[in-house]
Amino acid sequence: MPTGQRESYAAVAAGAIAKNVYLFAASNGWATVIRAWIDRAAIADALGLVTVNRYCYHRQLDTQEQ
């Protein structure tokens, strides 16, 4: 894949994954939200990501019954 297109393909893939997680959570009666305002450097460090990896967003699931 051309280097200039990697970021846009990653964004599309992340969006598709997010949609699937939303659908799964909804089917189980769970709440979920995407968080993009995060400390990407700290998360990348904690996950051991190298410079070619990119952390796009964080997802939170609430599985507790209301």
N, C-alpha and C. Protein backbone atom coordinates (compact mmCIF):
# COMPACT_ATOMS: atom_id res chain seq x y z
N MET A 1 0.84 -1.16 0.00
CA MET A 1 0.00 0.00 0.00
C MET A 1 0.90 1.23 0.00
N PRO A 2 0.59 2.22 -0.82
CA PRO A 2 1.39 3.45 -0.84
C PRO A 2 1.37 4.14 0.53
N THR A 3 2.50 4.64 0.94
CA THR A 3 2.64 5.27 2.25
C THR A 3 1.62 6.39 2.45
N GLY A 4 1.35 7.19 1.43
CA GLY A 4 0.43 8.30 1.55
C GLY A 4 -1.01 7.90 1.79
N GLN A 5 -1.35 6.66 1.53
CA GLN A 5 -2.73 6.20 1.70
C GLN A 5 -2.96 5.42 3.00
N ARG A 6 -1.92 5.10 3.69
CA ARG A 6 -2.05 4.26 4.88
C ARG A 6 -2.96 4.88 5.94
N GLU A 7 -2.81 6.16 6.19
CA GLU A 7 -3.60 6.80 7.24
C GLU A 7 -5.08 6.80 6.91
N SER A 8 -5.44 7.06 5.66
CA SER A 8 -6.86 7.07 5.31
C SER A 8 -7.44 5.67 5.37
N TYR A 9 -6.70 4.66 4.96
CA TYR A 9 -7.19 3.28 5.06
C TYR A 9 -7.33 2.86 6.53
N ALA A 10 -6.40 3.30 7.36
CA ALA A 10 -6.49 2.99 8.80
C ALA A 10 -7.73 3.63 9.40
N ALA A 11 -8.05 4.85 8.98
CA ALA A 11 -9.24 5.54 9.49
C ALA A 11 -10.51 4.81 9.08
N VAL A 12 -10.56 4.33 7.84
CA VAL A 12 -11.72 3.59 7.37
C VAL A 12 -11.86 2.28 8.15
N ALA A 13 -10.76 1.57 8.34
CA ALA A 13 -10.80 0.31 9.08
C ALA A 13 -11.23 0.56 10.53
N ALA A 14 -10.71 1.62 11.15
CA ALA A 14 -11.09 1.94 12.53
C ALA A 14 -12.58 2.26 12.62
N GLY A 15 -13.10 2.96 11.62
CA GLY A 15 -14.53 3.27 11.61
C GLY A 15 -15.39 2.02 11.49
N ALA A 16 -14.97 1.08 10.65
CA ALA A 16 -15.71 -0.17 10.50
C ALA A 16 -15.68 -0.99 11.80
N ILE A 17 -14.55 -1.02 12.44
CA ILE A 17 -14.43 -1.73 13.72
C ILE A 17 -15.33 -1.07 14.76
N ALA A 18 -15.30 0.27 14.81
CA ALA A 18 -16.13 1.00 15.77
C ALA A 18 -17.61 0.69 15.56
N LYS A 19 -18.04 0.66 14.33
CA LYS A 19 -19.45 0.37 14.03
C LYS A 19 -19.82 -1.03 14.52
N ASN A 20 -18.96 -2.01 14.27
CA ASN A 20 -19.23 -3.37 14.72
C ASN A 20 -19.31 -3.45 16.23
N VAL A 21 -18.45 -2.74 16.93
CA VAL A 21 -18.49 -2.75 18.39
C VAL A 21 -19.78 -2.08 18.89
N TYR A 22 -20.18 -0.98 18.25
CA TYR A 22 -21.45 -0.33 18.61
C TYR A 22 -22.61 -1.30 18.44
N LEU A 23 -22.65 -1.99 17.32
CA LEU A 23 -23.74 -2.94 17.06
C LEU A 23 -23.76 -4.07 18.08
N PHE A 24 -22.58 -4.61 18.40
CA PHE A 24 -22.48 -5.68 19.39
C PHE A 24 -22.95 -5.18 20.76
N ALA A 25 -22.47 -3.99 21.15
CA ALA A 25 -22.85 -3.44 22.44
C ALA A 25 -24.36 -3.20 22.50
N ALA A 26 -24.92 -2.63 21.45
CA ALA A 26 -26.37 -2.36 21.43
C ALA A 26 -27.18 -3.64 21.53
N SER A 27 -26.72 -4.70 20.86
CA SER A 27 -27.46 -5.96 20.90
C SER A 27 -27.44 -6.60 22.28
N ASN A 28 -26.49 -6.19 23.11
CA ASN A 28 -26.39 -6.72 24.48
C ASN A 28 -26.90 -5.72 25.51
N GLY A 29 -27.42 -4.59 25.05
CA GLY A 29 -27.93 -3.58 25.97
C GLY A 29 -26.85 -2.82 26.69
N TRP A 30 -25.66 -2.75 26.13
CA TRP A 30 -24.53 -2.06 26.76
C TRP A 30 -24.40 -0.65 26.20
N ALA A 31 -23.79 0.22 26.98
CA ALA A 31 -23.45 1.56 26.52
C ALA A 31 -22.01 1.54 26.03
N THR A 32 -21.73 2.35 25.03
CA THR A 32 -20.35 2.44 24.52
C THR A 32 -20.10 3.82 23.95
N VAL A 33 -18.86 4.22 23.94
CA VAL A 33 -18.48 5.52 23.40
C VAL A 33 -17.04 5.43 22.88
N ILE A 34 -16.77 6.15 21.80
CA ILE A 34 -15.40 6.26 21.28
C ILE A 34 -14.76 7.48 21.93
N ARG A 35 -13.55 7.32 22.38
CA ARG A 35 -12.82 8.44 22.97
C ARG A 35 -11.60 8.74 22.10
N ALA A 36 -11.56 9.94 21.56
CA ALA A 36 -10.43 10.34 20.73
C ALA A 36 -9.52 11.33 21.46
N TRP A 37 -10.01 11.92 22.54
CA TRP A 37 -9.22 12.87 23.33
C TRP A 37 -8.50 12.07 24.41
N ILE A 38 -7.36 11.49 24.03
CA ILE A 38 -6.61 10.58 24.89
C ILE A 38 -5.12 10.90 24.79
N ASP A 39 -4.35 10.39 25.72
CA ASP A 39 -2.89 10.55 25.69
C ASP A 39 -2.32 9.42 24.83
N ARG A 40 -2.24 9.65 23.53
CA ARG A 40 -1.79 8.62 22.59
C ARG A 40 -0.37 8.14 22.88
N ALA A 41 0.49 9.06 23.27
CA ALA A 41 1.88 8.68 23.55
C ALA A 41 1.95 7.71 24.74
N ALA A 42 1.20 7.99 25.79
CA ALA A 42 1.21 7.12 26.97
C ALA A 42 0.63 5.74 26.63
N ILE A 43 -0.44 5.71 25.85
CA ILE A 43 -1.05 4.44 25.48
C ILE A 43 -0.12 3.65 24.57
N ALA A 44 0.48 4.32 23.58
CA ALA A 44 1.43 3.65 22.69
C ALA A 44 2.59 3.06 23.48
N ASP A 45 3.07 3.81 24.47
CA ASP A 45 4.16 3.32 25.31
C ASP A 45 3.71 2.10 26.12
N ALA A 46 2.51 2.18 26.71
CA ALA A 46 2.01 1.07 27.52
C ALA A 46 1.77 -0.18 26.68
N LEU A 47 1.37 0.00 25.42
CA LEU A 47 1.12 -1.13 24.53
C LEU A 47 2.38 -1.61 23.81
N GLY A 48 3.47 -0.86 23.95
CA GLY A 48 4.72 -1.23 23.28
C GLY A 48 4.67 -1.04 21.77
N LEU A 49 3.91 -0.04 21.32
CA LEU A 49 3.80 0.20 19.88
C LEU A 49 5.06 0.88 19.37
N VAL A 50 5.47 0.52 18.17
CA VAL A 50 6.61 1.16 17.54
C VAL A 50 6.11 2.29 16.67
N THR A 51 7.01 3.05 16.08
CA THR A 51 6.61 4.25 15.34
C THR A 51 5.73 3.97 14.14
N VAL A 52 5.77 2.78 13.57
CA VAL A 52 4.91 2.49 12.41
C VAL A 52 3.49 2.15 12.82
N ASN A 53 3.26 1.86 14.11
CA ASN A 53 1.92 1.59 14.61
C ASN A 53 1.28 2.91 15.02
N ARG A 54 -0.04 2.97 14.91
CA ARG A 54 -0.74 4.19 15.30
C ARG A 54 -1.97 3.83 16.12
N TYR A 55 -2.10 4.47 17.26
CA TYR A 55 -3.25 4.27 18.12
C TYR A 55 -4.29 5.31 17.71
N CYS A 56 -5.43 4.87 17.21
CA CYS A 56 -6.43 5.78 16.65
C CYS A 56 -7.39 6.33 17.68
N TYR A 57 -7.98 5.45 18.47
CA TYR A 57 -8.97 5.87 19.45
C TYR A 57 -9.12 4.82 20.53
N HIS A 58 -9.85 5.16 21.53
CA HIS A 58 -10.10 4.27 22.66
C HIS A 58 -11.60 4.04 22.78
N ARG A 59 -12.00 2.87 23.12
CA ARG A 59 -13.42 2.55 23.27
C ARG A 59 -13.68 2.16 24.71
N GLN A 60 -14.76 2.67 25.24
CA GLN A 60 -15.19 2.31 26.59
C GLN A 60 -16.53 1.61 26.50
N LEU A 61 -16.65 0.48 27.19
CA LEU A 61 -17.91 -0.26 27.26
C LEU A 61 -18.40 -0.26 28.70
N ASP A 62 -19.69 -0.06 28.86
CA ASP A 62 -20.31 -0.14 30.18
C ASP A 62 -21.29 -1.31 30.13
N THR A 63 -20.91 -2.41 30.79
CA THR A 63 -21.73 -3.61 30.74
C THR A 63 -22.59 -3.79 31.98
N GLN A 64 -22.56 -2.83 32.89
CA GLN A 64 -23.34 -2.93 34.10
C GLN A 64 -24.80 -2.56 33.80
N GLU A 65 -25.70 -3.31 34.41
CA GLU A 65 -27.11 -3.05 34.20
C GLU A 65 -27.50 -1.78 34.92
N GLN A 66 -28.37 -1.01 34.31
CA GLN A 66 -28.82 0.27 34.86
C GLN A 66 -29.96 0.06 35.82
